[in-house]
Amino acid sequence: MKCKVVHFIWLTLHDFLLLIRCRHGEIIRGNLDKELKERERERDERERERERSA
């Protein structure tokens, strides 16, 4: 019986850690996407300014 309880606790903890890791990964990915979009937008703005000045 004790073994089953320990096993249940271990599985629950493991699932919880996986969930945290997945969420953390999504957050990091989300931030990277924001940075990439921002850089792309800045680059587009610079290209437009060059076209105007040319």
PDB file of N, CA and C in Angstrom:
ATOM      1  N   MET A   1       0.830  -1.200   0.000  1.00  0.00           N
ATOM      2  CA  MET A   1       0.000   0.000   0.000  1.00  0.00           C
ATOM      3  C   MET A   1       0.869   1.257   0.000  1.00  0.00           C
ATOM      4  N   LYS A   2       1.906   1.248   0.826  1.00  0.00           N
ATOM      5  CA  LYS A   2       2.796   2.403   0.912  1.00  0.00           C
ATOM      6  C   LYS A   2       3.441   2.668  -0.450  1.00  0.00           C
ATOM      7  N   CYS A   3       3.781   1.604  -1.126  1.00  0.00           N
ATOM      8  CA  CYS A   3       4.415   1.728  -2.440  1.00  0.00           C
ATOM      9  C   CYS A   3       3.479   2.426  -3.430  1.00  0.00           C
ATOM     10  N   LYS A   4       2.198   2.081  -3.406  1.00  0.00           N
ATOM     11  CA  LYS A   4       1.228   2.701  -4.316  1.00  0.00           C
ATOM     12  C   LYS A   4       1.101   4.197  -4.044  1.00  0.00           C
ATOM     13  N   VAL A   5       1.104   4.571  -2.777  1.00  0.00           N
ATOM     14  CA  VAL A   5       0.988   5.982  -2.411  1.00  0.00           C
ATOM     15  C   VAL A   5       2.203   6.748  -2.923  1.00  0.00           C
ATOM     16  N   VAL A   6       3.384   6.198  -2.706  1.00  0.00           N
ATOM     17  CA  VAL A   6       4.615   6.850  -3.168  1.00  0.00           C
ATOM     18  C   VAL A   6       4.595   6.976  -4.685  1.00  0.00           C
ATOM     19  N   HIS A   7       4.162   5.932  -5.356  1.00  0.00           N
ATOM     20  CA  HIS A   7       4.104   5.943  -6.814  1.00  0.00           C
ATOM     21  C   HIS A   7       3.142   7.014  -7.310  1.00  0.00           C
ATOM     22  N   PHE A   8       1.981   7.124  -6.666  1.00  0.00           N
ATOM     23  CA  PHE A   8       0.989   8.133  -7.043  1.00  0.00           C
ATOM     24  C   PHE A   8       1.557   9.542  -6.855  1.00  0.00           C
ATOM     25  N   ILE A   9       2.208   9.762  -5.717  1.00  0.00           N
ATOM     26  CA  ILE A   9       2.801  11.081  -5.445  1.00  0.00           C
ATOM     27  C   ILE A   9       3.865  11.391  -6.498  1.00  0.00           C
ATOM     28  N   TRP A  10       4.698  10.409  -6.818  1.00  0.00           N
ATOM     29  CA  TRP A  10       5.759  10.612  -7.803  1.00  0.00           C
ATOM     30  C   TRP A  10       5.170  10.978  -9.170  1.00  0.00           C
ATOM     31  N   LEU A  11       4.143  10.254  -9.603  1.00  0.00           N
ATOM     32  CA  LEU A  11       3.526  10.546 -10.900  1.00  0.00           C
ATOM     33  C   LEU A  11       2.898  11.934 -10.915  1.00  0.00           C
ATOM     34  N   THR A  12       2.237  12.305  -9.838  1.00  0.00           N
ATOM     35  CA  THR A  12       1.606  13.620  -9.753  1.00  0.00           C
ATOM     36  C   THR A  12       2.658  14.715  -9.841  1.00  0.00           C
ATOM     37  N   LEU A  13       3.734  14.550  -9.087  1.00  0.00           N
ATOM     38  CA  LEU A  13       4.819  15.528  -9.088  1.00  0.00           C
ATOM     39  C   LEU A  13       5.440  15.627 -10.481  1.00  0.00           C
ATOM     40  N   HIS A  14       5.645  14.482 -11.102  1.00  0.00           N
ATOM     41  CA  HIS A  14       6.247  14.448 -12.433  1.00  0.00           C
ATOM     42  C   HIS A  14       5.371  15.190 -13.445  1.00  0.00           C
ATOM     43  N   ASP A  15       4.069  14.930 -13.408  1.00  0.00           N
ATOM     44  CA  ASP A  15       3.138  15.615 -14.317  1.00  0.00           C
ATOM     45  C   ASP A  15       3.155  17.120 -14.081  1.00  0.00           C
ATOM     46  N   PHE A  16       3.198  17.503 -12.817  1.00  0.00           N
ATOM     47  CA  PHE A  16       3.214  18.919 -12.465  1.00  0.00           C
ATOM     48  C   PHE A  16       4.474  19.591 -13.020  1.00  0.00           C
ATOM     49  N   LEU A  17       5.618  18.931 -12.862  1.00  0.00           N
ATOM     50  CA  LEU A  17       6.877  19.493 -13.369  1.00  0.00           C
ATOM     51  C   LEU A  17       6.853  19.605 -14.891  1.00  0.00           C
ATOM     52  N   LEU A  18       6.308  18.604 -15.557  1.00  0.00           N
ATOM     53  CA  LEU A  18       6.202  18.666 -17.017  1.00  0.00           C
ATOM     54  C   LEU A  18       5.317  19.828 -17.445  1.00  0.00           C
ATOM     55  N   LEU A  19       4.221  20.027 -16.736  1.00  0.00           N
ATOM     56  CA  LEU A  19       3.308  21.121 -17.051  1.00  0.00           C
ATOM     57  C   LEU A  19       4.024  22.462 -16.905  1.00  0.00           C
ATOM     58  N   ILE A  20       4.761  22.623 -15.816  1.00  0.00           N
ATOM     59  CA  ILE A  20       5.499  23.872 -15.597  1.00  0.00           C
ATOM     60  C   ILE A  20       6.503  24.080 -16.731  1.00  0.00           C
ATOM     61  N   ARG A  21       7.213  23.025 -17.090  1.00  0.00           N
ATOM     62  CA  ARG A  21       8.228  23.149 -18.135  1.00  0.00           C
ATOM     63  C   ARG A  21       7.594  23.540 -19.467  1.00  0.00           C
ATOM     64  N   CYS A  22       6.455  22.943 -19.781  1.00  0.00           N
ATOM     65  CA  CYS A  22       5.767  23.272 -21.032  1.00  0.00           C
ATOM     66  C   CYS A  22       5.312  24.725 -21.027  1.00  0.00           C
ATOM     67  N   ARG A  23       4.727  25.162 -19.937  1.00  0.00           N
ATOM     68  CA  ARG A  23       4.261  26.553 -19.845  1.00  0.00           C
ATOM     69  C   ARG A  23       5.441  27.505 -19.966  1.00  0.00           C
ATOM     70  N   HIS A  24       6.531  27.173 -19.283  1.00  0.00           N
ATOM     71  CA  HIS A  24       7.718  28.027 -19.315  1.00  0.00           C
ATOM     72  C   HIS A  24       8.241  28.118 -20.748  1.00  0.00           C
ATOM     73  N   GLY A  25       8.243  26.991 -21.440  1.00  0.00           N
ATOM     74  CA  GLY A  25       8.683  26.980 -22.834  1.00  0.00           C
ATOM     75  C   GLY A  25       7.805  27.861 -23.705  1.00  0.00           C
ATOM     76  N   GLU A  26       6.495  27.810 -23.478  1.00  0.00           N
ATOM     77  CA  GLU A  26       5.571  28.644 -24.255  1.00  0.00           C
ATOM     78  C   GLU A  26       5.837  30.116 -23.992  1.00  0.00           C
ATOM     79  N   ILE A  27       6.105  30.449 -22.735  1.00  0.00           N
ATOM     80  CA  ILE A  27       6.366  31.848 -22.382  1.00  0.00           C
ATOM     81  C   ILE A  27       7.631  32.322 -23.089  1.00  0.00           C
ATOM     82  N   ILE A  28       8.677  31.498 -23.031  1.00  0.00           N
ATOM     83  CA  ILE A  28       9.936  31.879 -23.685  1.00  0.00           C
ATOM     84  C   ILE A  28       9.708  32.033 -25.186  1.00  0.00           C
ATOM     85  N   ARG A  29       9.019  31.059 -25.787  1.00  0.00           N
ATOM     86  CA  ARG A  29       8.761  31.120 -27.223  1.00  0.00           C
ATOM     87  C   ARG A  29       7.956  32.365 -27.570  1.00  0.00           C
ATOM     88  N   GLY A  30       6.978  32.681 -26.741  1.00  0.00           N
ATOM     89  CA  GLY A  30       6.158  33.867 -26.969  1.00  0.00           C
ATOM     90  C   GLY A  30       6.994  35.134 -26.953  1.00  0.00           C
ATOM     91  N   ASN A  31       7.922  35.226 -26.012  1.00  0.00           N
ATOM     92  CA  ASN A  31       8.786  36.404 -25.930  1.00  0.00           C
ATOM     93  C   ASN A  31       9.696  36.496 -27.147  1.00  0.00           C
ATOM     94  N   LEU A  32      10.217  35.355 -27.591  1.00  0.00           N
ATOM     95  CA  LEU A  32      11.088  35.365 -28.770  1.00  0.00           C
ATOM     96  C   LEU A  32      10.309  35.821 -29.995  1.00  0.00           C
ATOM     97  N   ASP A  33       9.074  35.335 -30.129  1.00  0.00           N
ATOM     98  CA  ASP A  33       8.240  35.750 -31.260  1.00  0.00           C
ATOM     99  C   ASP A  33       8.012  37.252 -31.239  1.00  0.00           C
ATOM    100  N   LYS A  34       7.750  37.804 -30.061  1.00  0.00           N
ATOM    101  CA  LYS A  34       7.542  39.249 -29.945  1.00  0.00           C
ATOM    102  C   LYS A  34       8.789  39.999 -30.386  1.00  0.00           C
ATOM    103  N   GLU A  35       9.966  39.538 -29.922  1.00  0.00           N
ATOM    104  CA  GLU A  35      11.218  40.208 -30.288  1.00  0.00           C
ATOM    105  C   GLU A  35      11.445  40.148 -31.792  1.00  0.00           C
ATOM    106  N   LEU A  36      11.216  38.987 -32.378  1.00  0.00           N
ATOM    107  CA  LEU A  36      11.428  38.848 -33.818  1.00  0.00           C
ATOM    108  C   LEU A  36      10.503  39.776 -34.596  1.00  0.00           C
ATOM    109  N   LYS A  37       9.245  39.835 -34.198  1.00  0.00           N
ATOM    110  CA  LYS A  37       8.292  40.709 -34.891  1.00  0.00           C
ATOM    111  C   LYS A  37       8.704  42.169 -34.754  1.00  0.00           C
ATOM    112  N   GLU A  38       9.178  42.536 -33.559  1.00  0.00           N
ATOM    113  CA  GLU A  38       9.585  43.918 -33.330  1.00  0.00           C
ATOM    114  C   GLU A  38      10.793  44.273 -34.198  1.00  0.00           C
ATOM    115  N   ARG A  39      11.771  43.373 -34.255  1.00  0.00           N
ATOM    116  CA  ARG A  39      12.957  43.613 -35.094  1.00  0.00           C
ATOM    117  C   ARG A  39      12.565  43.737 -36.558  1.00  0.00           C
ATOM    118  N   GLU A  40      11.665  42.861 -36.985  1.00  0.00           N
ATOM    119  CA  GLU A  40      11.209  42.885 -38.373  1.00  0.00           C
ATOM    120  C   GLU A  40      10.525  44.216 -38.687  1.00  0.00           C
ATOM    121  N   ARG A  41       9.707  44.675 -37.753  1.00  0.00           N
ATOM    122  CA  ARG A  41       9.004  45.944 -37.939  1.00  0.00           C
ATOM    123  C   ARG A  41      10.003  47.107 -38.016  1.00  0.00           C
ATOM    124  N   GLU A  42      11.008  47.097 -37.136  1.00  0.00           N
ATOM    125  CA  GLU A  42      12.030  48.154 -37.157  1.00  0.00           C
ATOM    126  C   GLU A  42      12.784  48.143 -38.487  1.00  0.00           C
ATOM    127  N   ARG A  43      13.111  46.942 -38.967  1.00  0.00           N
ATOM    128  CA  ARG A  43      13.837  46.830 -40.234  1.00  0.00           C
ATOM    129  C   ARG A  43      12.987  47.381 -41.375  1.00  0.00           C
ATOM    130  N   ASP A  44      11.696  47.047 -41.373  1.00  0.00           N
ATOM    131  CA  ASP A  44      10.793  47.554 -42.408  1.00  0.00           C
ATOM    132  C   ASP A  44      10.726  49.075 -42.370  1.00  0.00           C
ATOM    133  N   GLU A  45      10.662  49.641 -41.160  1.00  0.00           N
ATOM    134  CA  GLU A  45      10.609  51.102 -41.034  1.00  0.00           C
ATOM    135  C   GLU A  45      11.875  51.743 -41.603  1.00  0.00           C
ATOM    136  N   ARG A  46      13.036  51.149 -41.309  1.00  0.00           N
ATOM    137  CA  ARG A  46      14.298  51.696 -41.833  1.00  0.00           C
ATOM    138  C   ARG A  46      14.334  51.623 -43.356  1.00  0.00           C
ATOM    139  N   GLU A  47      13.838  50.507 -43.909  1.00  0.00           N
ATOM    140  CA  GLU A  47      13.816  50.373 -45.372  1.00  0.00           C
ATOM    141  C   GLU A  47      12.911  51.432 -45.995  1.00  0.00           C
ATOM    142  N   ARG A  48      11.771  51.691 -45.367  1.00  0.00           N
ATOM    143  CA  ARG A  48      10.861  52.724 -45.879  1.00  0.00           C
ATOM    144  C   ARG A  48      11.528  54.096 -45.841  1.00  0.00           C
ATOM    145  N   GLU A  49      12.250  54.386 -44.762  1.00  0.00           N
ATOM    146  CA  GLU A  49      12.940  55.678 -44.653  1.00  0.00           C
ATOM    147  C   GLU A  49      13.998  55.812 -45.748  1.00  0.00           C
ATOM    148  N   ARG A  50      14.712  54.728 -46.026  1.00  0.00           N
ATOM    149  CA  ARG A  50      15.729  54.758 -47.091  1.00  0.00           C
ATOM    150  C   ARG A  50      15.075  55.034 -48.441  1.00  0.00           C
ATOM    151  N   GLU A  51      13.930  54.380 -48.681  1.00  0.00           N
ATOM    152  CA  GLU A  51      13.231  54.592 -49.953  1.00  0.00           C
ATOM    153  C   GLU A  51      12.762  56.036 -50.082  1.00  0.00           C
ATOM    154  N   ARG A  52      12.299  56.618 -48.986  1.00  0.00           N
ATOM    155  CA  ARG A  52      11.848  58.010 -49.014  1.00  0.00           C
ATOM    156  C   ARG A  52      13.007  58.956 -49.297  1.00  0.00           C
ATOM    157  N   SER A  53      14.145  58.709 -48.655  1.00  0.00           N
ATOM    158  CA  SER A  53      15.290  59.617 -48.813  1.00  0.00           C
ATOM    159  C   SER A  53      15.978  59.432 -50.169  1.00  0.00           C
ATOM    160  N   ALA A  54      15.781  58.277 -50.809  1.00  0.00           N
ATOM    161  CA  ALA A  54      16.450  58.018 -52.097  1.00  0.00           C
ATOM    162  C   ALA A  54      15.775  58.752 -53.244  1.00  0.00           C
TER     163      ALA A  54
END
